[in-house]
Amino acid sequence: MSPQGKTRTGAAGEQIYNRIAVLRAERGISRRQLAETLGVHYQTVGYLERGEYSPSLHLALRIAQYFEVPVEVVFSTEPFPRIGSTT
């Protein structure tokens, strides 16, 4: 698991990768700031970033909207390439 994309294994064994921590860091946003905007507890953001919790579709869409990126920039069923990777 790379620092660019955290993973979680779902009930059916599928993995969900996310870039929430990377997007937050790039924008200088704290977990508390993101959580307040989304209307969730700041620990929920931590659980999401560590892959301990998969968001509902509604929350995933709100996170993407907050960062002004398509949802597939934030979440994926495939690992994200490492930053600086040429492949």
C-alpha atoms as a PDB file:
ATOM      1  CA  MET A   1       0.000   0.000   0.000  1.00  0.00           C
ATOM      2  CA  SER A   2       1.504   3.309  -1.046  1.00  0.00           C
ATOM      3  CA  PRO A   3       1.202   6.637   0.762  1.00  0.00           C
ATOM      4  CA  GLN A   4      -0.528   7.950  -2.364  1.00  0.00           C
ATOM      5  CA  GLY A   5      -3.487   5.597  -2.023  1.00  0.00           C
ATOM      6  CA  LYS A   6      -4.892   3.870   1.025  1.00  0.00           C
ATOM      7  CA  THR A   7      -6.854   0.671   0.654  1.00  0.00           C
ATOM      8  CA  ARG A   8      -9.774  -1.131   2.248  1.00  0.00           C
ATOM      9  CA  THR A   9     -11.114  -4.592   1.581  1.00  0.00           C
ATOM     10  CA  GLY A  10     -14.893  -4.622   1.259  1.00  0.00           C
ATOM     11  CA  ALA A  11     -17.358  -7.335   2.234  1.00  0.00           C
ATOM     12  CA  ALA A  12     -16.973  -9.087  -1.120  1.00  0.00           C
ATOM     13  CA  GLY A  13     -13.162  -8.931  -0.892  1.00  0.00           C
ATOM     14  CA  GLU A  14     -12.746  -5.986  -3.262  1.00  0.00           C
ATOM     15  CA  GLN A  15     -10.297  -3.249  -2.350  1.00  0.00           C
ATOM     16  CA  ILE A  16     -11.132   0.449  -2.401  1.00  0.00           C
ATOM     17  CA  TYR A  17      -8.207   2.846  -2.725  1.00  0.00           C
ATOM     18  CA  ASN A  18      -8.358   6.557  -1.924  1.00  0.00           C
ATOM     19  CA  ARG A  19      -6.278   9.713  -2.149  1.00  0.00           C
ATOM     20  CA  ILE A  20      -7.972  11.773   0.543  1.00  0.00           C
ATOM     21  CA  ALA A  21      -4.774  12.351   2.553  1.00  0.00           C
ATOM     22  CA  VAL A  22      -2.848  13.387  -0.569  1.00  0.00           C
ATOM     23  CA  LEU A  23      -5.556  15.821  -1.670  1.00  0.00           C
ATOM     24  CA  ARG A  24      -5.779  17.280   1.837  1.00  0.00           C
ATOM     25  CA  ALA A  25      -2.007  17.700   2.091  1.00  0.00           C
ATOM     26  CA  GLU A  26      -1.765  19.354  -1.334  1.00  0.00           C
ATOM     27  CA  ARG A  27      -4.362  21.904  -0.255  1.00  0.00           C
ATOM     28  CA  GLY A  28      -3.185  22.393   3.328  1.00  0.00           C
ATOM     29  CA  ILE A  29      -6.510  21.255   4.788  1.00  0.00           C
ATOM     30  CA  SER A  30      -6.719  19.593   8.208  1.00  0.00           C
ATOM     31  CA  ARG A  31      -8.836  16.547   8.963  1.00  0.00           C
ATOM     32  CA  ARG A  32     -10.996  18.721  11.204  1.00  0.00           C
ATOM     33  CA  GLN A  33     -11.555  21.291   8.448  1.00  0.00           C
ATOM     34  CA  LEU A  34     -12.577  18.625   5.945  1.00  0.00           C
ATOM     35  CA  ALA A  35     -14.795  16.872   8.485  1.00  0.00           C
ATOM     36  CA  GLU A  36     -16.545  20.101   9.458  1.00  0.00           C
ATOM     37  CA  THR A  37     -17.288  20.923   5.831  1.00  0.00           C
ATOM     38  CA  LEU A  38     -18.594  17.404   5.160  1.00  0.00           C
ATOM     39  CA  GLY A  39     -20.602  17.247   8.381  1.00  0.00           C
ATOM     40  CA  VAL A  40     -18.789  14.186   9.740  1.00  0.00           C
ATOM     41  CA  HIS A  41     -16.575  13.574  12.774  1.00  0.00           C
ATOM     42  CA  TYR A  42     -12.879  14.264  12.176  1.00  0.00           C
ATOM     43  CA  GLN A  43     -12.097  10.653  13.125  1.00  0.00           C
ATOM     44  CA  THR A  44     -14.251   9.524  10.198  1.00  0.00           C
ATOM     45  CA  VAL A  45     -11.839  11.325   7.873  1.00  0.00           C
ATOM     46  CA  GLY A  46      -8.957   9.465   9.530  1.00  0.00           C
ATOM     47  CA  TYR A  47     -10.744   6.129   9.149  1.00  0.00           C
ATOM     48  CA  LEU A  48     -11.342   6.884   5.480  1.00  0.00           C
ATOM     49  CA  GLU A  49      -7.715   7.874   4.887  1.00  0.00           C
ATOM     50  CA  ARG A  50      -6.389   4.730   6.559  1.00  0.00           C
ATOM     51  CA  GLY A  51      -8.802   2.524   4.641  1.00  0.00           C
ATOM     52  CA  GLU A  52     -10.584   1.399   7.816  1.00  0.00           C
ATOM     53  CA  TYR A  53     -13.931   2.657   6.529  1.00  0.00           C
ATOM     54  CA  SER A  54     -15.482   2.871   3.067  1.00  0.00           C
ATOM     55  CA  PRO A  55     -17.683   5.909   2.484  1.00  0.00           C
ATOM     56  CA  SER A  56     -21.256   5.794   1.302  1.00  0.00           C
ATOM     57  CA  LEU A  57     -21.729   6.832  -2.307  1.00  0.00           C
ATOM     58  CA  HIS A  58     -23.186  10.123  -1.086  1.00  0.00           C
ATOM     59  CA  LEU A  59     -20.145  10.871   1.111  1.00  0.00           C
ATOM     60  CA  ALA A  60     -17.726   9.851  -1.665  1.00  0.00           C
ATOM     61  CA  LEU A  61     -19.436  12.266  -4.060  1.00  0.00           C
ATOM     62  CA  ARG A  62     -19.370  15.066  -1.474  1.00  0.00           C
ATOM     63  CA  ILE A  63     -15.632  14.503  -0.885  1.00  0.00           C
ATOM     64  CA  ALA A  64     -14.947  14.695  -4.627  1.00  0.00           C
ATOM     65  CA  GLN A  65     -17.101  17.815  -4.896  1.00  0.00           C
ATOM     66  CA  TYR A  66     -15.226  19.435  -1.998  1.00  0.00           C
ATOM     67  CA  PHE A  67     -11.891  18.890  -3.768  1.00  0.00           C
ATOM     68  CA  GLU A  68     -13.456  19.887  -7.115  1.00  0.00           C
ATOM     69  CA  VAL A  69     -12.301  16.692  -8.821  1.00  0.00           C
ATOM     70  CA  PRO A  70     -14.120  13.705 -10.351  1.00  0.00           C
ATOM     71  CA  VAL A  71     -14.864  10.949  -7.836  1.00  0.00           C
ATOM     72  CA  GLU A  72     -12.449   8.604  -9.647  1.00  0.00           C
ATOM     73  CA  VAL A  73      -9.589  10.984  -8.766  1.00  0.00           C
ATOM     74  CA  VAL A  74     -10.318  10.327  -5.078  1.00  0.00           C
ATOM     75  CA  PHE A  75     -11.495   6.687  -5.083  1.00  0.00           C
ATOM     76  CA  SER A  76     -10.607   3.652  -7.192  1.00  0.00           C
ATOM     77  CA  THR A  77     -10.849  -0.118  -7.266  1.00  0.00           C
ATOM     78  CA  GLU A  78      -7.315  -0.151  -8.729  1.00  0.00           C
ATOM     79  CA  PRO A  79      -4.172   1.049  -6.931  1.00  0.00           C
ATOM     80  CA  PHE A  80      -3.174   4.599  -7.787  1.00  0.00           C
ATOM     81  CA  PRO A  81       0.224   5.042  -9.451  1.00  0.00           C
ATOM     82  CA  ARG A  82       2.917   6.400  -7.174  1.00  0.00           C
ATOM     83  CA  ILE A  83       3.529  10.116  -7.453  1.00  0.00           C
ATOM     84  CA  GLY A  84       6.459  10.620  -9.803  1.00  0.00           C
ATOM     85  CA  SER A  85       5.993   7.170 -11.335  1.00  0.00           C
ATOM     86  CA  THR A  86       6.503   6.962 -15.090  1.00  0.00           C
ATOM     87  CA  THR A  87       4.213   3.948 -15.524  1.00  0.00           C
END
